[in-house]
PDB file of N, CA and C in Angstrom:
ATOM      1  N   ILE A   1      12.789   6.416  -1.515  1.00  0.00           N
ATOM      2  CA  ILE A   1      12.591   5.035  -1.099  1.00  0.00           C
ATOM      3  C   ILE A   1      13.119   4.110  -2.188  1.00  0.00           C
ATOM      4  N   LYS A   2      13.508   2.935  -1.763  1.00  0.00           N
ATOM      5  CA  LYS A   2      14.020   1.964  -2.715  1.00  0.00           C
ATOM      6  C   LYS A   2      12.864   1.341  -3.492  1.00  0.00           C
ATOM      7  N   VAL A   3      13.111   1.084  -4.772  1.00  0.00           N
ATOM      8  CA  VAL A   3      12.152   0.385  -5.624  1.00  0.00           C
ATOM      9  C   VAL A   3      12.905  -0.697  -6.381  1.00  0.00           C
ATOM     10  N   ASN A   4      12.147  -1.630  -6.957  1.00  0.00           N
ATOM     11  CA  ASN A   4      12.808  -2.730  -7.647  1.00  0.00           C
ATOM     12  C   ASN A   4      13.273  -2.313  -9.051  1.00  0.00           C
ATOM     13  N   PRO A   5      14.213  -3.059  -9.610  1.00  0.00           N
ATOM     14  CA  PRO A   5      14.773  -2.709 -10.923  1.00  0.00           C
ATOM     15  C   PRO A   5      13.734  -2.708 -12.048  1.00  0.00           C
ATOM     16  N   ILE A   6      12.701  -3.510 -11.942  1.00  0.00           N
ATOM     17  CA  ILE A   6      11.666  -3.556 -12.983  1.00  0.00           C
ATOM     18  C   ILE A   6      10.970  -2.197 -13.082  1.00  0.00           C
ATOM     19  N   LEU A   7      10.636  -1.608 -11.938  1.00  0.00           N
ATOM     20  CA  LEU A   7      10.006  -0.288 -11.936  1.00  0.00           C
ATOM     21  C   LEU A   7      10.963   0.761 -12.496  1.00  0.00           C
ATOM     22  N   LEU A   8      12.224   0.694 -12.090  1.00  0.00           N
ATOM     23  CA  LEU A   8      13.204   1.653 -12.608  1.00  0.00           C
ATOM     24  C   LEU A   8      13.328   1.543 -14.129  1.00  0.00           C
ATOM     25  N   ASP A   9      13.358   0.323 -14.655  1.00  0.00           N
ATOM     26  CA  ASP A   9      13.432   0.133 -16.109  1.00  0.00           C
ATOM     27  C   ASP A   9      12.205   0.714 -16.800  1.00  0.00           C
ATOM     28  N   PHE A  10      11.027   0.506 -16.203  1.00  0.00           N
ATOM     29  CA  PHE A  10       9.789   1.042 -16.761  1.00  0.00           C
ATOM     30  C   PHE A  10       9.855   2.573 -16.806  1.00  0.00           C
ATOM     31  N   LEU A  11      10.306   3.186 -15.721  1.00  0.00           N
ATOM     32  CA  LEU A  11      10.415   4.644 -15.677  1.00  0.00           C
ATOM     33  C   LEU A  11      11.426   5.160 -16.698  1.00  0.00           C
ATOM     34  N   LYS A  12      12.516   4.427 -16.885  1.00  0.00           N
ATOM     35  CA  LYS A  12      13.512   4.813 -17.890  1.00  0.00           C
ATOM     36  C   LYS A  12      12.920   4.750 -19.296  1.00  0.00           C
ATOM     37  N   GLN A  13      12.105   3.724 -19.555  1.00  0.00           N
ATOM     38  CA  GLN A  13      11.455   3.596 -20.856  1.00  0.00           C
ATOM     39  C   GLN A  13      10.511   4.766 -21.114  1.00  0.00           C
ATOM     40  N   LEU A  14       9.758   5.147 -20.082  1.00  0.00           N
ATOM     41  CA  LEU A  14       8.860   6.290 -20.235  1.00  0.00           C
ATOM     42  C   LEU A  14       9.644   7.544 -20.602  1.00  0.00           C
ATOM     43  N   LYS A  15      10.735   7.761 -19.897  1.00  0.00           N
ATOM     44  CA  LYS A  15      11.561   8.940 -20.142  1.00  0.00           C
ATOM     45  C   LYS A  15      12.155   8.898 -21.556  1.00  0.00           C
ATOM     46  N   ALA A  16      12.641   7.724 -21.961  1.00  0.00           N
ATOM     47  CA  ALA A  16      13.236   7.572 -23.286  1.00  0.00           C
ATOM     48  C   ALA A  16      12.214   7.815 -24.391  1.00  0.00           C
ATOM     49  N   ASN A  17      10.944   7.519 -24.112  1.00  0.00           N
ATOM     50  CA  ASN A  17       9.877   7.715 -25.098  1.00  0.00           C
ATOM     51  C   ASN A  17       9.302   9.127 -25.058  1.00  0.00           C
ATOM     52  N   GLY A  18       9.901   9.990 -24.250  1.00  0.00           N
ATOM     53  CA  GLY A  18       9.458  11.376 -24.187  1.00  0.00           C
ATOM     54  C   GLY A  18       8.254  11.620 -23.293  1.00  0.00           C
ATOM     55  N   THR A  19       7.885  10.632 -22.493  1.00  0.00           N
ATOM     56  CA  THR A  19       6.752  10.805 -21.583  1.00  0.00           C
ATOM     57  C   THR A  19       7.174  11.732 -20.453  1.00  0.00           C
ATOM     58  N   ARG A  20       6.342  12.740 -20.206  1.00  0.00           N
ATOM     59  CA  ARG A  20       6.668  13.714 -19.160  1.00  0.00           C
ATOM     60  C   ARG A  20       6.166  13.286 -17.792  1.00  0.00           C
ATOM     61  N   MET A  21       5.074  12.526 -17.769  1.00  0.00           N
ATOM     62  CA  MET A  21       4.463  12.137 -16.501  1.00  0.00           C
ATOM     63  C   MET A  21       4.131  10.641 -16.515  1.00  0.00           C
ATOM     64  N   VAL A  22       4.167  10.035 -15.346  1.00  0.00           N
ATOM     65  CA  VAL A  22       3.795   8.628 -15.231  1.00  0.00           C
ATOM     66  C   VAL A  22       2.283   8.483 -15.383  1.00  0.00           C
ATOM     67  N   PHE A  23       1.546   9.376 -14.742  1.00  0.00           N
ATOM     68  CA  PHE A  23       0.094   9.362 -14.799  1.00  0.00           C
ATOM     69  C   PHE A  23      -0.388  10.649 -15.452  1.00  0.00           C
ATOM     70  N   GLU A  24      -1.135  10.492 -16.545  1.00  0.00           N
ATOM     71  CA  GLU A  24      -1.702  11.664 -17.180  1.00  0.00           C
ATOM     72  C   GLU A  24      -3.041  11.305 -17.809  1.00  0.00           C
ATOM     73  N   ASN A  25      -3.906  12.293 -17.913  1.00  0.00           N
ATOM     74  CA  ASN A  25      -5.206  12.046 -18.528  1.00  0.00           C
ATOM     75  C   ASN A  25      -5.098  12.217 -20.043  1.00  0.00           C
ATOM     76  N   CYS A  26      -6.221  12.114 -20.734  1.00  0.00           N
ATOM     77  CA  CYS A  26      -6.205  12.183 -22.198  1.00  0.00           C
ATOM     78  C   CYS A  26      -5.784  13.550 -22.728  1.00  0.00           C
ATOM     79  N   TRP A  27      -5.754  14.566 -21.871  1.00  0.00           N
ATOM     80  CA  TRP A  27      -5.327  15.904 -22.270  1.00  0.00           C
ATOM     81  C   TRP A  27      -3.878  16.168 -21.887  1.00  0.00           C
ATOM     82  N   GLY A  28      -3.177  15.137 -21.392  1.00  0.00           N
ATOM     83  CA  GLY A  28      -1.779  15.298 -21.018  1.00  0.00           C
ATOM     84  C   GLY A  28      -1.565  16.026 -19.706  1.00  0.00           C
ATOM     85  N   LYS A  29      -2.607  16.077 -18.896  1.00  0.00           N
ATOM     86  CA  LYS A  29      -2.539  16.745 -17.595  1.00  0.00           C
ATOM     87  C   LYS A  29      -2.533  15.701 -16.474  1.00  0.00           C
ATOM     88  N   ILE A  30      -2.142  16.142 -15.280  1.00  0.00           N
ATOM     89  CA  ILE A  30      -2.195  15.264 -14.107  1.00  0.00           C
ATOM     90  C   ILE A  30      -3.668  15.047 -13.753  1.00  0.00           C
ATOM     91  N   PRO A  31      -4.092  13.783 -13.624  1.00  0.00           N
ATOM     92  CA  PRO A  31      -5.499  13.534 -13.280  1.00  0.00           C
ATOM     93  C   PRO A  31      -5.833  14.073 -11.887  1.00  0.00           C
ATOM     94  N   THR A  32      -7.073  14.502 -11.730  1.00  0.00           N
ATOM     95  CA  THR A  32      -7.511  14.985 -10.424  1.00  0.00           C
ATOM     96  C   THR A  32      -7.702  13.809  -9.485  1.00  0.00           C
ATOM     97  N   SER A  33      -7.718  14.097  -8.208  1.00  0.00           N
ATOM     98  CA  SER A  33      -7.960  13.075  -7.200  1.00  0.00           C
ATOM     99  C   SER A  33      -9.319  12.412  -7.435  1.00  0.00           C
ATOM    100  N   THR A  34     -10.316  13.211  -7.791  1.00  0.00           N
ATOM    101  CA  THR A  34     -11.657  12.685  -8.055  1.00  0.00           C
ATOM    102  C   THR A  34     -11.645  11.706  -9.220  1.00  0.00           C
ATOM    103  N   ALA A  35     -10.931  12.048 -10.277  1.00  0.00           N
ATOM    104  CA  ALA A  35     -10.849  11.162 -11.439  1.00  0.00           C
ATOM    105  C   ALA A  35     -10.163   9.847 -11.078  1.00  0.00           C
ATOM    106  N   LEU A  36      -9.100   9.927 -10.268  1.00  0.00           N
ATOM    107  CA  LEU A  36      -8.392   8.715  -9.849  1.00  0.00           C
ATOM    108  C   LEU A  36      -9.295   7.810  -9.015  1.00  0.00           C
ATOM    109  N   ILE A  37     -10.028   8.405  -8.083  1.00  0.00           N
ATOM    110  CA  ILE A  37     -10.927   7.616  -7.233  1.00  0.00           C
ATOM    111  C   ILE A  37     -11.995   6.949  -8.072  1.00  0.00           C
ATOM    112  N   LYS A  38     -12.513   7.670  -9.049  1.00  0.00           N
ATOM    113  CA  LYS A  38     -13.542   7.106  -9.931  1.00  0.00           C
ATOM    114  C   LYS A  38     -13.000   5.868 -10.651  1.00  0.00           C
ATOM    115  N   GLU A  39     -11.781   5.956 -11.150  1.00  0.00           N
ATOM    116  CA  GLU A  39     -11.169   4.820 -11.849  1.00  0.00           C
ATOM    117  C   GLU A  39     -10.876   3.665 -10.892  1.00  0.00           C
ATOM    118  N   ILE A  40     -10.365   3.994  -9.715  1.00  0.00           N
ATOM    119  CA  ILE A  40     -10.062   2.947  -8.730  1.00  0.00           C
ATOM    120  C   ILE A  40     -11.336   2.209  -8.337  1.00  0.00           C
ATOM    121  N   ARG A  41     -12.407   2.951  -8.091  1.00  0.00           N
ATOM    122  CA  ARG A  41     -13.682   2.321  -7.716  1.00  0.00           C
ATOM    123  C   ARG A  41     -14.238   1.480  -8.846  1.00  0.00           C
ATOM    124  N   LYS A  42     -14.027   1.917 -10.093  1.00  0.00           N
ATOM    125  CA  LYS A  42     -14.474   1.137 -11.250  1.00  0.00           C
ATOM    126  C   LYS A  42     -13.714  -0.198 -11.309  1.00  0.00           C
ATOM    127  N   ILE A  43     -12.422  -0.134 -11.082  1.00  0.00           N
ATOM    128  CA  ILE A  43     -11.596  -1.355 -11.084  1.00  0.00           C
ATOM    129  C   ILE A  43     -12.017  -2.284  -9.948  1.00  0.00           C
ATOM    130  N   LEU A  44     -12.249  -1.725  -8.755  1.00  0.00           N
ATOM    131  CA  LEU A  44     -12.705  -2.533  -7.629  1.00  0.00           C
ATOM    132  C   LEU A  44     -14.028  -3.216  -7.950  1.00  0.00           C
ATOM    133  N   ALA A  45     -14.939  -2.488  -8.562  1.00  0.00           N
ATOM    134  CA  ALA A  45     -16.247  -3.057  -8.921  1.00  0.00           C
ATOM    135  C   ALA A  45     -16.083  -4.187  -9.934  1.00  0.00           C
ATOM    136  N   GLU A  46     -15.196  -4.008 -10.907  1.00  0.00           N
ATOM    137  CA  GLU A  46     -14.925  -5.053 -11.902  1.00  0.00           C
ATOM    138  C   GLU A  46     -14.361  -6.308 -11.242  1.00  0.00           C
ATOM    139  N   CYS A  47     -13.687  -6.135 -10.116  1.00  0.00           N
ATOM    140  CA  CYS A  47     -13.122  -7.270  -9.364  1.00  0.00           C
ATOM    141  C   CYS A  47     -14.133  -7.844  -8.369  1.00  0.00           C
ATOM    142  N   GLY A  48     -15.337  -7.271  -8.350  1.00  0.00           N
ATOM    143  CA  GLY A  48     -16.365  -7.755  -7.437  1.00  0.00           C
ATOM    144  C   GLY A  48     -16.230  -7.210  -6.025  1.00  0.00           C
ATOM    145  N   LEU A  49     -15.461  -6.147  -5.860  1.00  0.00           N
ATOM    146  CA  LEU A  49     -15.267  -5.540  -4.543  1.00  0.00           C
ATOM    147  C   LEU A  49     -16.060  -4.242  -4.466  1.00  0.00           C
ATOM    148  N   LYS A  50     -16.937  -4.162  -3.491  1.00  0.00           N
ATOM    149  CA  LYS A  50     -17.737  -2.947  -3.324  1.00  0.00           C
ATOM    150  C   LYS A  50     -17.251  -2.200  -2.092  1.00  0.00           C
ATOM    151  N   LYS A  51     -16.499  -1.174  -2.342  1.00  0.00           N
ATOM    152  CA  LYS A  51     -15.919  -0.353  -1.272  1.00  0.00           C
ATOM    153  C   LYS A  51     -16.359   1.088  -1.486  1.00  0.00           C
ATOM    154  N   ARG A  52     -17.483   1.465  -0.919  1.00  0.00           N
ATOM    155  CA  ARG A  52     -18.048   2.799  -1.134  1.00  0.00           C
ATOM    156  C   ARG A  52     -17.134   3.917  -0.664  1.00  0.00           C
ATOM    157  N   HIS A  53     -16.464   3.717   0.434  1.00  0.00           N
ATOM    158  CA  HIS A  53     -15.669   4.794   1.019  1.00  0.00           C
ATOM    159  C   HIS A  53     -14.177   4.659   0.721  1.00  0.00           C
ATOM    160  N   PHE A  54     -13.841   3.843  -0.277  1.00  0.00           N
ATOM    161  CA  PHE A  54     -12.440   3.677  -0.655  1.00  0.00           C
ATOM    162  C   PHE A  54     -11.963   4.965  -1.310  1.00  0.00           C
ATOM    163  N   SER A  55     -10.871   5.495  -0.804  1.00  0.00           N
ATOM    164  CA  SER A  55     -10.331   6.748  -1.334  1.00  0.00           C
ATOM    165  C   SER A  55      -8.905   6.531  -1.817  1.00  0.00           C
ATOM    166  N   PHE A  56      -8.357   7.550  -2.425  1.00  0.00           N
ATOM    167  CA  PHE A  56      -6.977   7.465  -2.871  1.00  0.00           C
ATOM    168  C   PHE A  56      -6.053   7.210  -1.688  1.00  0.00           C
ATOM    169  N   HIS A  57      -6.365   7.837  -0.552  1.00  0.00           N
ATOM    170  CA  HIS A  57      -5.569   7.649   0.660  1.00  0.00           C
ATOM    171  C   HIS A  57      -5.659   6.203   1.171  1.00  0.00           C
ATOM    172  N   SER A  58      -6.745   5.511   0.853  1.00  0.00           N
ATOM    173  CA  SER A  58      -6.895   4.110   1.261  1.00  0.00           C
ATOM    174  C   SER A  58      -5.786   3.243   0.693  1.00  0.00           C
ATOM    175  N   LEU A  59      -5.217   3.669  -0.431  1.00  0.00           N
ATOM    176  CA  LEU A  59      -4.128   2.896  -1.033  1.00  0.00           C
ATOM    177  C   LEU A  59      -2.917   2.826  -0.104  1.00  0.00           C
ATOM    178  N   ARG A  60      -2.712   3.863   0.706  1.00  0.00           N
ATOM    179  CA  ARG A  60      -1.620   3.833   1.690  1.00  0.00           C
ATOM    180  C   ARG A  60      -1.866   2.719   2.704  1.00  0.00           C
ATOM    181  N   HIS A  61      -3.118   2.594   3.151  1.00  0.00           N
ATOM    182  CA  HIS A  61      -3.451   1.570   4.138  1.00  0.00           C
ATOM    183  C   HIS A  61      -3.322   0.176   3.534  1.00  0.00           C
ATOM    184  N   VAL A  62      -3.720   0.034   2.276  1.00  0.00           N
ATOM    185  CA  VAL A  62      -3.560  -1.252   1.580  1.00  0.00           C
ATOM    186  C   VAL A  62      -2.079  -1.591   1.489  1.00  0.00           C
ATOM    187  N   ASN A  63      -1.262  -0.612   1.133  1.00  0.00           N
ATOM    188  CA  ASN A  63       0.179  -0.811   1.030  1.00  0.00           C
ATOM    189  C   ASN A  63       0.766  -1.271   2.364  1.00  0.00           C
ATOM    190  N   VAL A  64       0.392  -0.600   3.446  1.00  0.00           N
ATOM    191  CA  VAL A  64       0.906  -0.956   4.773  1.00  0.00           C
ATOM    192  C   VAL A  64       0.427  -2.352   5.168  1.00  0.00           C
ATOM    193  N   ALA A  65      -0.838  -2.661   4.919  1.00  0.00           N
ATOM    194  CA  ALA A  65      -1.365  -3.986   5.259  1.00  0.00           C
ATOM    195  C   ALA A  65      -0.596  -5.072   4.512  1.00  0.00           C
ATOM    196  N   TYR A  66      -0.322  -4.840   3.250  1.00  0.00           N
ATOM    197  CA  TYR A  66       0.424  -5.815   2.451  1.00  0.00           C
ATOM    198  C   TYR A  66       1.846  -5.987   2.978  1.00  0.00           C
ATOM    199  N   LEU A  67       2.510  -4.870   3.261  1.00  0.00           N
ATOM    200  CA  LEU A  67       3.876  -4.952   3.774  1.00  0.00           C
ATOM    201  C   LEU A  67       3.924  -5.626   5.145  1.00  0.00           C
ATOM    202  N   LEU A  68       2.955  -5.326   6.007  1.00  0.00           N
ATOM    203  CA  LEU A  68       2.913  -5.986   7.312  1.00  0.00           C
ATOM    204  C   LEU A  68       2.711  -7.486   7.159  1.00  0.00           C
ATOM    205  N   ALA A  69       1.847  -7.882   6.224  1.00  0.00           N
ATOM    206  CA  ALA A  69       1.585  -9.305   5.995  1.00  0.00           C
ATOM    207  C   ALA A  69       2.831 -10.015   5.479  1.00  0.00           C
ATOM    208  N   LYS A  70       3.588  -9.347   4.623  1.00  0.00           N
ATOM    209  CA  LYS A  70       4.771  -9.974   4.020  1.00  0.00           C
ATOM    210  C   LYS A  70       6.021  -9.860   4.890  1.00  0.00           C
ATOM    211  N   LEU A  71       6.193  -8.707   5.557  1.00  0.00           N
ATOM    212  CA  LEU A  71       7.417  -8.467   6.323  1.00  0.00           C
ATOM    213  C   LEU A  71       7.279  -8.773   7.804  1.00  0.00           C
ATOM    214  N   GLY A  72       6.053  -8.642   8.315  1.00  0.00           N
ATOM    215  CA  GLY A  72       5.827  -8.853   9.742  1.00  0.00           C
ATOM    216  C   GLY A  72       5.862  -7.544  10.501  1.00  0.00           C
ATOM    217  N   THR A  73       5.247  -7.569  11.667  1.00  0.00           N
ATOM    218  CA  THR A  73       5.134  -6.348  12.473  1.00  0.00           C
ATOM    219  C   THR A  73       6.483  -5.879  13.016  1.00  0.00           C
ATOM    220  N   ASP A  74       7.451  -6.773  13.067  1.00  0.00           N
ATOM    221  CA  ASP A  74       8.760  -6.379  13.579  1.00  0.00           C
ATOM    222  C   ASP A  74       9.517  -5.474  12.595  1.00  0.00           C
ATOM    223  N   LYS A  75       8.997  -5.308  11.386  1.00  0.00           N
ATOM    224  CA  LYS A  75       9.623  -4.436  10.386  1.00  0.00           C
ATOM    225  C   LYS A  75       8.881  -3.102  10.251  1.00  0.00           C
ATOM    226  N   ILE A  76       8.118  -2.732  11.268  1.00  0.00           N
ATOM    227  CA  ILE A  76       7.328  -1.501  11.215  1.00  0.00           C
ATOM    228  C   ILE A  76       8.210  -0.272  11.031  1.00  0.00           C
ATOM    229  N   ASP A  77       9.463  -0.325  11.497  1.00  0.00           N
ATOM    230  CA  ASP A  77      10.351   0.821  11.312  1.00  0.00           C
ATOM    231  C   ASP A  77      10.661   1.051   9.833  1.00  0.00           C
ATOM    232  N   ILE A  78      10.855  -0.032   9.086  1.00  0.00           N
ATOM    233  CA  ILE A  78      11.117   0.071   7.646  1.00  0.00           C
ATOM    234  C   ILE A  78       9.875   0.588   6.930  1.00  0.00           C
ATOM    235  N   ILE A  79       8.722   0.046   7.302  1.00  0.00           N
ATOM    236  CA  ILE A  79       7.456   0.464   6.696  1.00  0.00           C
ATOM    237  C   ILE A  79       7.202   1.938   7.001  1.00  0.00           C
ATOM    238  N   SER A  80       7.477   2.351   8.210  1.00  0.00           N
ATOM    239  CA  SER A  80       7.278   3.743   8.625  1.00  0.00           C
ATOM    240  C   SER A  80       8.093   4.700   7.753  1.00  0.00           C
ATOM    241  N   LYS A  81       9.336   4.350   7.497  1.00  0.00           N
ATOM    242  CA  LYS A  81      10.195   5.183   6.654  1.00  0.00           C
ATOM    243  C   LYS A  81       9.640   5.259   5.227  1.00  0.00           C
ATOM    244  N   ARG A  82       9.172   4.122   4.698  1.00  0.00           N
ATOM    245  CA  ARG A  82       8.615   4.107   3.344  1.00  0.00           C
ATOM    246  C   ARG A  82       7.362   4.972   3.245  1.00  0.00           C
ATOM    247  N   MET A  83       6.613   5.070   4.333  1.00  0.00           N
ATOM    248  CA  MET A  83       5.392   5.867   4.325  1.00  0.00           C
ATOM    249  C   MET A  83       5.680   7.356   4.495  1.00  0.00           C
ATOM    250  N   GLY A  84       6.941   7.674   4.828  1.00  0.00           N
ATOM    251  CA  GLY A  84       7.330   9.068   4.972  1.00  0.00           C
ATOM    252  C   GLY A  84       7.002   9.666   6.326  1.00  0.00           C
ATOM    253  N   HIS A  85       6.741   8.812   7.308  1.00  0.00           N
ATOM    254  CA  HIS A  85       6.452   9.317   8.654  1.00  0.00           C
ATOM    255  C   HIS A  85       7.748   9.788   9.312  1.00  0.00           C
ATOM    256  N   SER A  86       7.657  10.874  10.057  1.00  0.00           N
ATOM    257  CA  SER A  86       8.851  11.435  10.678  1.00  0.00           C
ATOM    258  C   SER A  86       9.382  10.577  11.819  1.00  0.00           C
ATOM    259  N   ASN A  87       8.498   9.759  12.416  1.00  0.00           N
ATOM    260  CA  ASN A  87       8.963   8.810  13.431  1.00  0.00           C
ATOM    261  C   ASN A  87       8.010   7.616  13.498  1.00  0.00           C
ATOM    262  N   ILE A  88       8.487   6.558  14.094  1.00  0.00           N
ATOM    263  CA  ILE A  88       7.744   5.296  14.136  1.00  0.00           C
ATOM    264  C   ILE A  88       6.456   5.405  14.951  1.00  0.00           C
ATOM    265  N   LYS A  89       6.418   6.338  15.908  1.00  0.00           N
ATOM    266  CA  LYS A  89       5.224   6.502  16.741  1.00  0.00           C
ATOM    267  C   LYS A  89       4.001   6.856  15.895  1.00  0.00           C
ATOM    268  N   ILE A  90       4.219   7.654  14.859  1.00  0.00           N
ATOM    269  CA  ILE A  90       3.116   8.024  13.971  1.00  0.00           C
ATOM    270  C   ILE A  90       2.559   6.768  13.307  1.00  0.00           C
ATOM    271  N   SER A  91       3.440   5.941  12.765  1.00  0.00           N
ATOM    272  CA  SER A  91       3.004   4.704  12.109  1.00  0.00           C
ATOM    273  C   SER A  91       2.289   3.787  13.088  1.00  0.00           C
ATOM    274  N   LEU A  92       2.836   3.673  14.285  1.00  0.00           N
ATOM    275  CA  LEU A  92       2.223   2.793  15.285  1.00  0.00           C
ATOM    276  C   LEU A  92       0.823   3.261  15.659  1.00  0.00           C
ATOM    277  N   SER A  93       0.613   4.573  15.722  1.00  0.00           N
ATOM    278  CA  SER A  93      -0.727   5.059  16.089  1.00  0.00           C
ATOM    279  C   SER A  93      -1.700   4.975  14.917  1.00  0.00           C
ATOM    280  N   VAL A  94      -1.244   5.320  13.712  1.00  0.00           N
ATOM    281  CA  VAL A  94      -2.128   5.305  12.545  1.00  0.00           C
ATOM    282  C   VAL A  94      -2.522   3.879  12.163  1.00  0.00           C
ATOM    283  N   TYR A  95      -1.573   2.962  12.230  1.00  0.00           N
ATOM    284  CA  TYR A  95      -1.813   1.599  11.766  1.00  0.00           C
ATOM    285  C   TYR A  95      -1.932   0.592  12.902  1.00  0.00           C
ATOM    286  N   ALA A  96      -2.264   1.077  14.098  1.00  0.00           N
ATOM    287  CA  ALA A  96      -2.391   0.194  15.268  1.00  0.00           C
ATOM    288  C   ALA A  96      -3.406  -0.913  15.024  1.00  0.00           C
ATOM    289  N   TYR A  97      -4.504  -0.593  14.349  1.00  0.00           N
ATOM    290  CA  TYR A  97      -5.538  -1.605  14.101  1.00  0.00           C
ATOM    291  C   TYR A  97      -5.003  -2.750  13.240  1.00  0.00           C
ATOM    292  N   LEU A  98      -4.133  -2.443  12.276  1.00  0.00           N
ATOM    293  CA  LEU A  98      -3.543  -3.488  11.442  1.00  0.00           C
ATOM    294  C   LEU A  98      -2.519  -4.304  12.231  1.00  0.00           C
ATOM    295  N   ILE A  99      -1.703  -3.608  12.984  1.00  0.00           N
ATOM    296  CA  ILE A  99      -0.673  -4.280  13.775  1.00  0.00           C
ATOM    297  C   ILE A  99      -1.327  -5.225  14.772  1.00  0.00           C
ATOM    298  N   ASP A 100      -2.409  -4.775  15.413  1.00  0.00           N
ATOM    299  CA  ASP A 100      -3.134  -5.624  16.367  1.00  0.00           C
ATOM    300  C   ASP A 100      -3.691  -6.875  15.684  1.00  0.00           C
ATOM    301  N   GLU A 101      -4.204  -6.722  14.465  1.00  0.00           N
ATOM    302  CA  GLU A 101      -4.723  -7.881  13.721  1.00  0.00           C
ATOM    303  C   GLU A 101      -3.629  -8.916  13.488  1.00  0.00           C
ATOM    304  N   PHE A 102      -2.452  -8.451  13.076  1.00  0.00           N
ATOM    305  CA  PHE A 102      -1.356  -9.378  12.803  1.00  0.00           C
ATOM    306  C   PHE A 102      -0.815 -10.002  14.091  1.00  0.00           C
ATOM    307  N   LYS A 103      -0.806  -9.238  15.176  1.00  0.00           N
ATOM    308  CA  LYS A 103      -0.364  -9.796  16.456  1.00  0.00           C
ATOM    309  C   LYS A 103      -1.348 -10.859  16.939  1.00  0.00           C
ATOM    310  N   ASP A 104      -2.659 -10.590  16.788  1.00  0.00           N
ATOM    311  CA  ASP A 104      -3.675 -11.574  17.174  1.00  0.00           C
ATOM    312  C   ASP A 104      -3.518 -12.860  16.370  1.00  0.00           C
ATOM    313  N   LYS A 105      -3.259 -12.710  15.070  1.00  0.00           N
ATOM    314  CA  LYS A 105      -3.061 -13.882  14.214  1.00  0.00           C
ATOM    315  C   LYS A 105      -1.831 -14.658  14.671  1.00  0.00           C
ATOM    316  N   GLY A 106      -0.765 -13.926  15.019  1.00  0.00           N
ATOM    317  CA  GLY A 106       0.455 -14.570  15.503  1.00  0.00           C
ATOM    318  C   GLY A 106       0.219 -15.317  16.802  1.00  0.00           C
ATOM    319  N   GLU A 107      -0.585 -14.746  17.682  1.00  0.00           N
ATOM    320  CA  GLU A 107      -0.916 -15.410  18.950  1.00  0.00           C
ATOM    321  C   GLU A 107      -1.669 -16.714  18.689  1.00  0.00           C
ATOM    322  N   GLU A 108      -2.626 -16.666  17.755  1.00  0.00           N
ATOM    323  CA  GLU A 108      -3.388 -17.872  17.411  1.00  0.00           C
ATOM    324  C   GLU A 108      -2.472 -18.943  16.831  1.00  0.00           C
ATOM    325  N   GLU A 109      -1.550 -18.533  15.983  1.00  0.00           N
ATOM    326  CA  GLU A 109      -0.601 -19.472  15.388  1.00  0.00           C
ATOM    327  C   GLU A 109       0.280 -20.085  16.470  1.00  0.00           C
ATOM    328  N   ALA A 110       0.722 -19.297  17.459  1.00  0.00           N
ATOM    329  CA  ALA A 110       1.554 -19.798  18.545  1.00  0.00           C
ATOM    330  C   ALA A 110       0.795 -20.843  19.366  1.00  0.00           C
ATOM    331  N   VAL A 111      -0.473 -20.572  19.647  1.00  0.00           N
ATOM    332  CA  VAL A 111      -1.293 -21.530  20.410  1.00  0.00           C
ATOM    333  C   VAL A 111      -1.430 -22.826  19.627  1.00  0.00           C
ATOM    334  N   ASP A 112      -1.665 -22.721  18.307  1.00  0.00           N
ATOM    335  CA  ASP A 112      -1.808 -23.927  17.473  1.00  0.00           C
ATOM    336  C   ASP A 112      -0.520 -24.741  17.436  1.00  0.00           C
ATOM    337  N   VAL A 113       0.627 -24.063  17.335  1.00  0.00           N
ATOM    338  CA  VAL A 113       1.921 -24.765  17.297  1.00  0.00           C
ATOM    339  C   VAL A 113       2.157 -25.489  18.624  1.00  0.00           C
ATOM    340  N   LEU A 114       1.860 -24.834  19.747  1.00  0.00           N
ATOM    341  CA  LEU A 114       2.057 -25.461  21.042  1.00  0.00           C
ATOM    342  C   LEU A 114       1.081 -26.616  21.278  1.00  0.00           C
ATOM    343  N   ALA A 115      -0.090 -26.551  20.664  1.00  0.00           N
ATOM    344  CA  ALA A 115      -1.071 -27.627  20.792  1.00  0.00           C
ATOM    345  C   ALA A 115      -0.600 -28.901  20.100  1.00  0.00           C
ATOM    346  N   GLU A 116       0.329 -28.760  19.170  1.00  0.00           N
ATOM    347  CA  GLU A 116       0.850 -29.922  18.437  1.00  0.00           C
ATOM    348  C   GLU A 116       1.846 -30.739  19.259  1.00  0.00           C
ATOM    349  N   ILE A 117       2.321 -30.189  20.363  1.00  0.00           N
ATOM    350  CA  ILE A 117       3.342 -30.887  21.179  1.00  0.00           C
ATOM    351  C   ILE A 117       2.720 -32.076  21.874  1.00  0.00           C
TER     352      ILE A 117
END
């Protein structure tokens, strides 16, 4: 998938400094999923967000929600490819609840615009 030049520069710096992994624990190993969730939940709590069932996989849903908000539902094919889905139908079924939210918001915006006439 495409990434921005800032991320590429950061990754190049890590490599130049001899870093073997982007994410590693204090022992130089890949952190476990449990350890990552613990840290993510700690960060959420520090931000005043209490999400008991937030998991590492939830980050995919956050990513899709953000991309849908910025790109719009008409770009679901691009988002689907970034998520690694083999076809758009998978994305449409998994993220239907998000797509419906954005469509509902768009409908409300359309009604408001027409009310201004």
